[in-house]
Amino acid sequence: MTTYRKVEISGHQFEMLGTVNDGDCKVRLKNVKGQAVDMLCEDFIEGLNKGTTKYID
């Protein structure tokens, strides 16, 4: 069984599924409804630096 890191972005919780590179680097997340959401890696990293994104496990 695969376990995913849990992250919180602007007060919303997601499971971090991994990264995708389709020309742009993206972080693939799954929201609490089970829907996959992609976020640009640079935005994810910027959120970590600003404190709006954090690992919760």
PDB file of N, CA and C in Angstrom:
ATOM      1  N   MET A   1       0.841  -1.178   0.000  1.00  0.00           N
ATOM      2  CA  MET A   1       0.000   0.000   0.000  1.00  0.00           C
ATOM      3  C   MET A   1       0.886   1.241   0.000  1.00  0.00           C
ATOM      4  N   THR A   2       0.553   2.176  -0.860  1.00  0.00           N
ATOM      5  CA  THR A   2       1.303   3.414  -0.964  1.00  0.00           C
ATOM      6  C   THR A   2       0.703   4.460  -0.033  1.00  0.00           C
ATOM      7  N   THR A   3       1.567   5.121   0.716  1.00  0.00           N
ATOM      8  CA  THR A   3       1.096   6.225   1.555  1.00  0.00           C
ATOM      9  C   THR A   3       1.601   7.522   0.947  1.00  0.00           C
ATOM     10  N   TYR A   4       0.763   8.520   0.959  1.00  0.00           N
ATOM     11  CA  TYR A   4       1.086   9.805   0.376  1.00  0.00           C
ATOM     12  C   TYR A   4       1.252  10.844   1.469  1.00  0.00           C
ATOM     13  N   ARG A   5       2.124  11.809   1.207  1.00  0.00           N
ATOM     14  CA  ARG A   5       2.301  12.919   2.150  1.00  0.00           C
ATOM     15  C   ARG A   5       1.051  13.779   2.129  1.00  0.00           C
ATOM     16  N   LYS A   6       0.684  14.257   3.285  1.00  0.00           N
ATOM     17  CA  LYS A   6      -0.453  15.169   3.384  1.00  0.00           C
ATOM     18  C   LYS A   6       0.084  16.593   3.443  1.00  0.00           C
ATOM     19  N   VAL A   7      -0.567  17.465   2.685  1.00  0.00           N
ATOM     20  CA  VAL A   7      -0.180  18.867   2.672  1.00  0.00           C
ATOM     21  C   VAL A   7      -1.418  19.735   2.893  1.00  0.00           C
ATOM     22  N   GLU A   8      -1.182  20.923   3.398  1.00  0.00           N
ATOM     23  CA  GLU A   8      -2.244  21.909   3.561  1.00  0.00           C
ATOM     24  C   GLU A   8      -1.861  23.137   2.752  1.00  0.00           C
ATOM     25  N   ILE A   9      -2.779  23.563   1.884  1.00  0.00           N
ATOM     26  CA  ILE A   9      -2.543  24.718   1.034  1.00  0.00           C
ATOM     27  C   ILE A   9      -3.678  25.706   1.282  1.00  0.00           C
ATOM     28  N   SER A  10      -3.329  26.846   1.828  1.00  0.00           N
ATOM     29  CA  SER A  10      -4.324  27.897   2.122  1.00  0.00           C
ATOM     30  C   SER A  10      -5.523  27.352   2.894  1.00  0.00           C
ATOM     31  N   GLY A  11      -5.260  26.480   3.862  1.00  0.00           N
ATOM     32  CA  GLY A  11      -6.315  25.953   4.718  1.00  0.00           C
ATOM     33  C   GLY A  11      -7.028  24.731   4.182  1.00  0.00           C
ATOM     34  N   HIS A  12      -6.680  24.255   2.981  1.00  0.00           N
ATOM     35  CA  HIS A  12      -7.311  23.071   2.395  1.00  0.00           C
ATOM     36  C   HIS A  12      -6.329  21.908   2.409  1.00  0.00           C
ATOM     37  N   GLN A  13      -6.822  20.720   2.758  1.00  0.00           N
ATOM     38  CA  GLN A  13      -5.944  19.551   2.842  1.00  0.00           C
ATOM     39  C   GLN A  13      -5.971  18.735   1.550  1.00  0.00           C
ATOM     40  N   PHE A  14      -4.791  18.230   1.190  1.00  0.00           N
ATOM     41  CA  PHE A  14      -4.602  17.412   0.000  1.00  0.00           C
ATOM     42  C   PHE A  14      -3.641  16.271   0.322  1.00  0.00           C
ATOM     43  N   GLU A  15      -3.702  15.206  -0.482  1.00  0.00           N
ATOM     44  CA  GLU A  15      -2.663  14.192  -0.484  1.00  0.00           C
ATOM     45  C   GLU A  15      -1.778  14.491  -1.683  1.00  0.00           C
ATOM     46  N   MET A  16      -0.479  14.460  -1.465  1.00  0.00           N
ATOM     47  CA  MET A  16       0.469  14.731  -2.542  1.00  0.00           C
ATOM     48  C   MET A  16       0.776  13.417  -3.239  1.00  0.00           C
ATOM     49  N   LEU A  17       0.338  13.282  -4.504  1.00  0.00           N
ATOM     50  CA  LEU A  17       0.489  12.037  -5.242  1.00  0.00           C
ATOM     51  C   LEU A  17       1.835  11.931  -5.949  1.00  0.00           C
ATOM     52  N   GLY A  18       2.434  13.044  -6.284  1.00  0.00           N
ATOM     53  CA  GLY A  18       3.722  13.027  -6.970  1.00  0.00           C
ATOM     54  C   GLY A  18       3.853  14.216  -7.896  1.00  0.00           C
ATOM     55  N   THR A  19       4.777  14.110  -8.854  1.00  0.00           N
ATOM     56  CA  THR A  19       4.982  15.193  -9.807  1.00  0.00           C
ATOM     57  C   THR A  19       4.734  14.692 -11.224  1.00  0.00           C
ATOM     58  N   VAL A  20       4.397  15.623 -12.092  1.00  0.00           N
ATOM     59  CA  VAL A  20       4.133  15.347 -13.500  1.00  0.00           C
ATOM     60  C   VAL A  20       4.971  16.330 -14.303  1.00  0.00           C
ATOM     61  N   ASN A  21       5.590  15.864 -15.379  1.00  0.00           N
ATOM     62  CA  ASN A  21       6.330  16.775 -16.240  1.00  0.00           C
ATOM     63  C   ASN A  21       5.820  16.605 -17.661  1.00  0.00           C
ATOM     64  N   ASP A  22       4.911  17.487 -18.051  1.00  0.00           N
ATOM     65  CA  ASP A  22       4.366  17.464 -19.411  1.00  0.00           C
ATOM     66  C   ASP A  22       4.792  18.719 -20.170  1.00  0.00           C
ATOM     67  N   GLY A  23       5.999  19.143 -19.923  1.00  0.00           N
ATOM     68  CA  GLY A  23       6.499  20.403 -20.456  1.00  0.00           C
ATOM     69  C   GLY A  23       6.620  21.430 -19.345  1.00  0.00           C
ATOM     70  N   ASP A  24       5.718  21.353 -18.376  1.00  0.00           N
ATOM     71  CA  ASP A  24       5.764  22.158 -17.160  1.00  0.00           C
ATOM     72  C   ASP A  24       5.821  21.200 -15.983  1.00  0.00           C
ATOM     73  N   CYS A  25       6.594  21.538 -14.968  1.00  0.00           N
ATOM     74  CA  CYS A  25       6.634  20.719 -13.762  1.00  0.00           C
ATOM     75  C   CYS A  25       5.380  21.013 -12.941  1.00  0.00           C
ATOM     76  N   LYS A  26       4.652  19.964 -12.580  1.00  0.00           N
ATOM     77  CA  LYS A  26       3.435  20.119 -11.789  1.00  0.00           C
ATOM     78  C   LYS A  26       3.434  19.126 -10.632  1.00  0.00           C
ATOM     79  N   VAL A  27       2.857  19.546  -9.523  1.00  0.00           N
ATOM     80  CA  VAL A  27       2.638  18.677  -8.377  1.00  0.00           C
ATOM     81  C   VAL A  27       1.202  18.173  -8.492  1.00  0.00           C
ATOM     82  N   ARG A  28       1.023  16.853  -8.455  1.00  0.00           N
ATOM     83  CA  ARG A  28      -0.325  16.286  -8.534  1.00  0.00           C
ATOM     84  C   ARG A  28      -0.824  16.037  -7.122  1.00  0.00           C
ATOM     85  N   LEU A  29      -1.988  16.603  -6.821  1.00  0.00           N
ATOM     86  CA  LEU A  29      -2.598  16.532  -5.501  1.00  0.00           C
ATOM     87  C   LEU A  29      -3.979  15.889  -5.617  1.00  0.00           C
ATOM     88  N   LYS A  30      -4.445  15.288  -4.533  1.00  0.00           N
ATOM     89  CA  LYS A  30      -5.806  14.764  -4.478  1.00  0.00           C
ATOM     90  C   LYS A  30      -6.521  15.469  -3.346  1.00  0.00           C
ATOM     91  N   ASN A  31      -7.678  16.083  -3.667  1.00  0.00           N
ATOM     92  CA  ASN A  31      -8.420  16.802  -2.639  1.00  0.00           C
ATOM     93  C   ASN A  31      -9.288  15.837  -1.833  1.00  0.00           C
ATOM     94  N   VAL A  32      -9.991  16.345  -0.835  1.00  0.00           N
ATOM     95  CA  VAL A  32     -10.777  15.490   0.050  1.00  0.00           C
ATOM     96  C   VAL A  32     -11.937  14.825  -0.673  1.00  0.00           C
ATOM     97  N   LYS A  33     -12.347  15.355  -1.832  1.00  0.00           N
ATOM     98  CA  LYS A  33     -13.405  14.738  -2.632  1.00  0.00           C
ATOM     99  C   LYS A  33     -12.864  13.623  -3.528  1.00  0.00           C
ATOM    100  N   GLY A  34     -11.530  13.431  -3.523  1.00  0.00           N
ATOM    101  CA  GLY A  34     -10.908  12.399  -4.333  1.00  0.00           C
ATOM    102  C   GLY A  34     -10.548  12.848  -5.736  1.00  0.00           C
ATOM    103  N   GLN A  35     -10.686  14.133  -6.023  1.00  0.00           N
ATOM    104  CA  GLN A  35     -10.380  14.664  -7.344  1.00  0.00           C
ATOM    105  C   GLN A  35      -8.904  15.027  -7.443  1.00  0.00           C
ATOM    106  N   ALA A  36      -8.286  14.697  -8.576  1.00  0.00           N
ATOM    107  CA  ALA A  36      -6.889  15.056  -8.812  1.00  0.00           C
ATOM    108  C   ALA A  36      -6.816  16.515  -9.245  1.00  0.00           C
ATOM    109  N   VAL A  37      -5.853  17.218  -8.675  1.00  0.00           N
ATOM    110  CA  VAL A  37      -5.640  18.643  -8.959  1.00  0.00           C
ATOM    111  C   VAL A  37      -4.151  18.813  -9.232  1.00  0.00           C
ATOM    112  N   ASP A  38      -3.812  19.547 -10.291  1.00  0.00           N
ATOM    113  CA  ASP A  38      -2.412  19.829 -10.587  1.00  0.00           C
ATOM    114  C   ASP A  38      -2.080  21.267 -10.197  1.00  0.00           C
ATOM    115  N   MET A  39      -0.875  21.438  -9.677  1.00  0.00           N
ATOM    116  CA  MET A  39      -0.389  22.766  -9.278  1.00  0.00           C
ATOM    117  C   MET A  39       1.032  22.898  -9.805  1.00  0.00           C
ATOM    118  N   LEU A  40       1.364  24.037 -10.367  1.00  0.00           N
ATOM    119  CA  LEU A  40       2.731  24.237 -10.857  1.00  0.00           C
ATOM    120  C   LEU A  40       3.728  24.089  -9.712  1.00  0.00           C
ATOM    121  N   CYS A  41       4.837  23.416  -9.987  1.00  0.00           N
ATOM    122  CA  CYS A  41       5.862  23.195  -8.960  1.00  0.00           C
ATOM    123  C   CYS A  41       6.355  24.512  -8.369  1.00  0.00           C
ATOM    124  N   GLU A  42       6.535  25.517  -9.240  1.00  0.00           N
ATOM    125  CA  GLU A  42       7.042  26.805  -8.739  1.00  0.00           C
ATOM    126  C   GLU A  42       6.044  27.437  -7.769  1.00  0.00           C
ATOM    127  N   ASP A  43       4.742  27.279  -8.018  1.00  0.00           N
ATOM    128  CA  ASP A  43       3.731  27.805  -7.094  1.00  0.00           C
ATOM    129  C   ASP A  43       3.730  27.030  -5.781  1.00  0.00           C
ATOM    130  N   PHE A  44       3.930  25.699  -5.856  1.00  0.00           N
ATOM    131  CA  PHE A  44       3.989  24.873  -4.662  1.00  0.00           C
ATOM    132  C   PHE A  44       5.185  25.283  -3.793  1.00  0.00           C
ATOM    133  N   ILE A  45       6.335  25.437  -4.422  1.00  0.00           N
ATOM    134  CA  ILE A  45       7.551  25.817  -3.696  1.00  0.00           C
ATOM    135  C   ILE A  45       7.419  27.228  -3.119  1.00  0.00           C
ATOM    136  N   GLU A  46       6.839  28.129  -3.893  1.00  0.00           N
ATOM    137  CA  GLU A  46       6.615  29.490  -3.404  1.00  0.00           C
ATOM    138  C   GLU A  46       5.697  29.475  -2.178  1.00  0.00           C
ATOM    139  N   GLY A  47       4.666  28.631  -2.201  1.00  0.00           N
ATOM    140  CA  GLY A  47       3.768  28.494  -1.051  1.00  0.00           C
ATOM    141  C   GLY A  47       4.498  27.979   0.182  1.00  0.00           C
ATOM    142  N   LEU A  48       5.419  27.022  -0.017  1.00  0.00           N
ATOM    143  CA  LEU A  48       6.225  26.525   1.105  1.00  0.00           C
ATOM    144  C   LEU A  48       7.074  27.651   1.689  1.00  0.00           C
ATOM    145  N   ASN A  49       7.683  28.438   0.815  1.00  0.00           N
ATOM    146  CA  ASN A  49       8.537  29.541   1.272  1.00  0.00           C
ATOM    147  C   ASN A  49       7.745  30.624   1.992  1.00  0.00           C
ATOM    148  N   LYS A  50       6.524  30.895   1.534  1.00  0.00           N
ATOM    149  CA  LYS A  50       5.685  31.932   2.152  1.00  0.00           C
ATOM    150  C   LYS A  50       4.926  31.438   3.365  1.00  0.00           C
ATOM    151  N   GLY A  51       4.839  30.110   3.526  1.00  0.00           N
ATOM    152  CA  GLY A  51       4.108  29.561   4.667  1.00  0.00           C
ATOM    153  C   GLY A  51       2.647  29.285   4.395  1.00  0.00           C
ATOM    154  N   THR A  52       2.183  29.485   3.148  1.00  0.00           N
ATOM    155  CA  THR A  52       0.792  29.191   2.815  1.00  0.00           C
ATOM    156  C   THR A  52       0.578  27.720   2.480  1.00  0.00           C
ATOM    157  N   THR A  53       1.681  27.011   2.243  1.00  0.00           N
ATOM    158  CA  THR A  53       1.670  25.572   1.991  1.00  0.00           C
ATOM    159  C   THR A  53       2.560  24.920   3.030  1.00  0.00           C
ATOM    160  N   LYS A  54       2.075  23.801   3.614  1.00  0.00           N
ATOM    161  CA  LYS A  54       2.916  23.106   4.596  1.00  0.00           C
ATOM    162  C   LYS A  54       2.593  21.613   4.588  1.00  0.00           C
ATOM    163  N   TYR A  55       3.606  20.839   4.923  1.00  0.00           N
ATOM    164  CA  TYR A  55       3.415  19.403   5.105  1.00  0.00           C
ATOM    165  C   TYR A  55       2.783  19.186   6.468  1.00  0.00           C
ATOM    166  N   ILE A  56       1.788  18.305   6.553  1.00  0.00           N
ATOM    167  CA  ILE A  56       1.121  18.098   7.847  1.00  0.00           C
ATOM    168  C   ILE A  56       1.328  16.689   8.384  1.00  0.00           C
ATOM    169  N   ASP A  57       2.204  15.920   7.758  1.00  0.00           N
ATOM    170  CA  ASP A  57       2.557  14.613   8.337  1.00  0.00           C
ATOM    171  C   ASP A  57       4.036  14.393   8.249  1.00  0.00           C
TER     172      ASP A  57
END
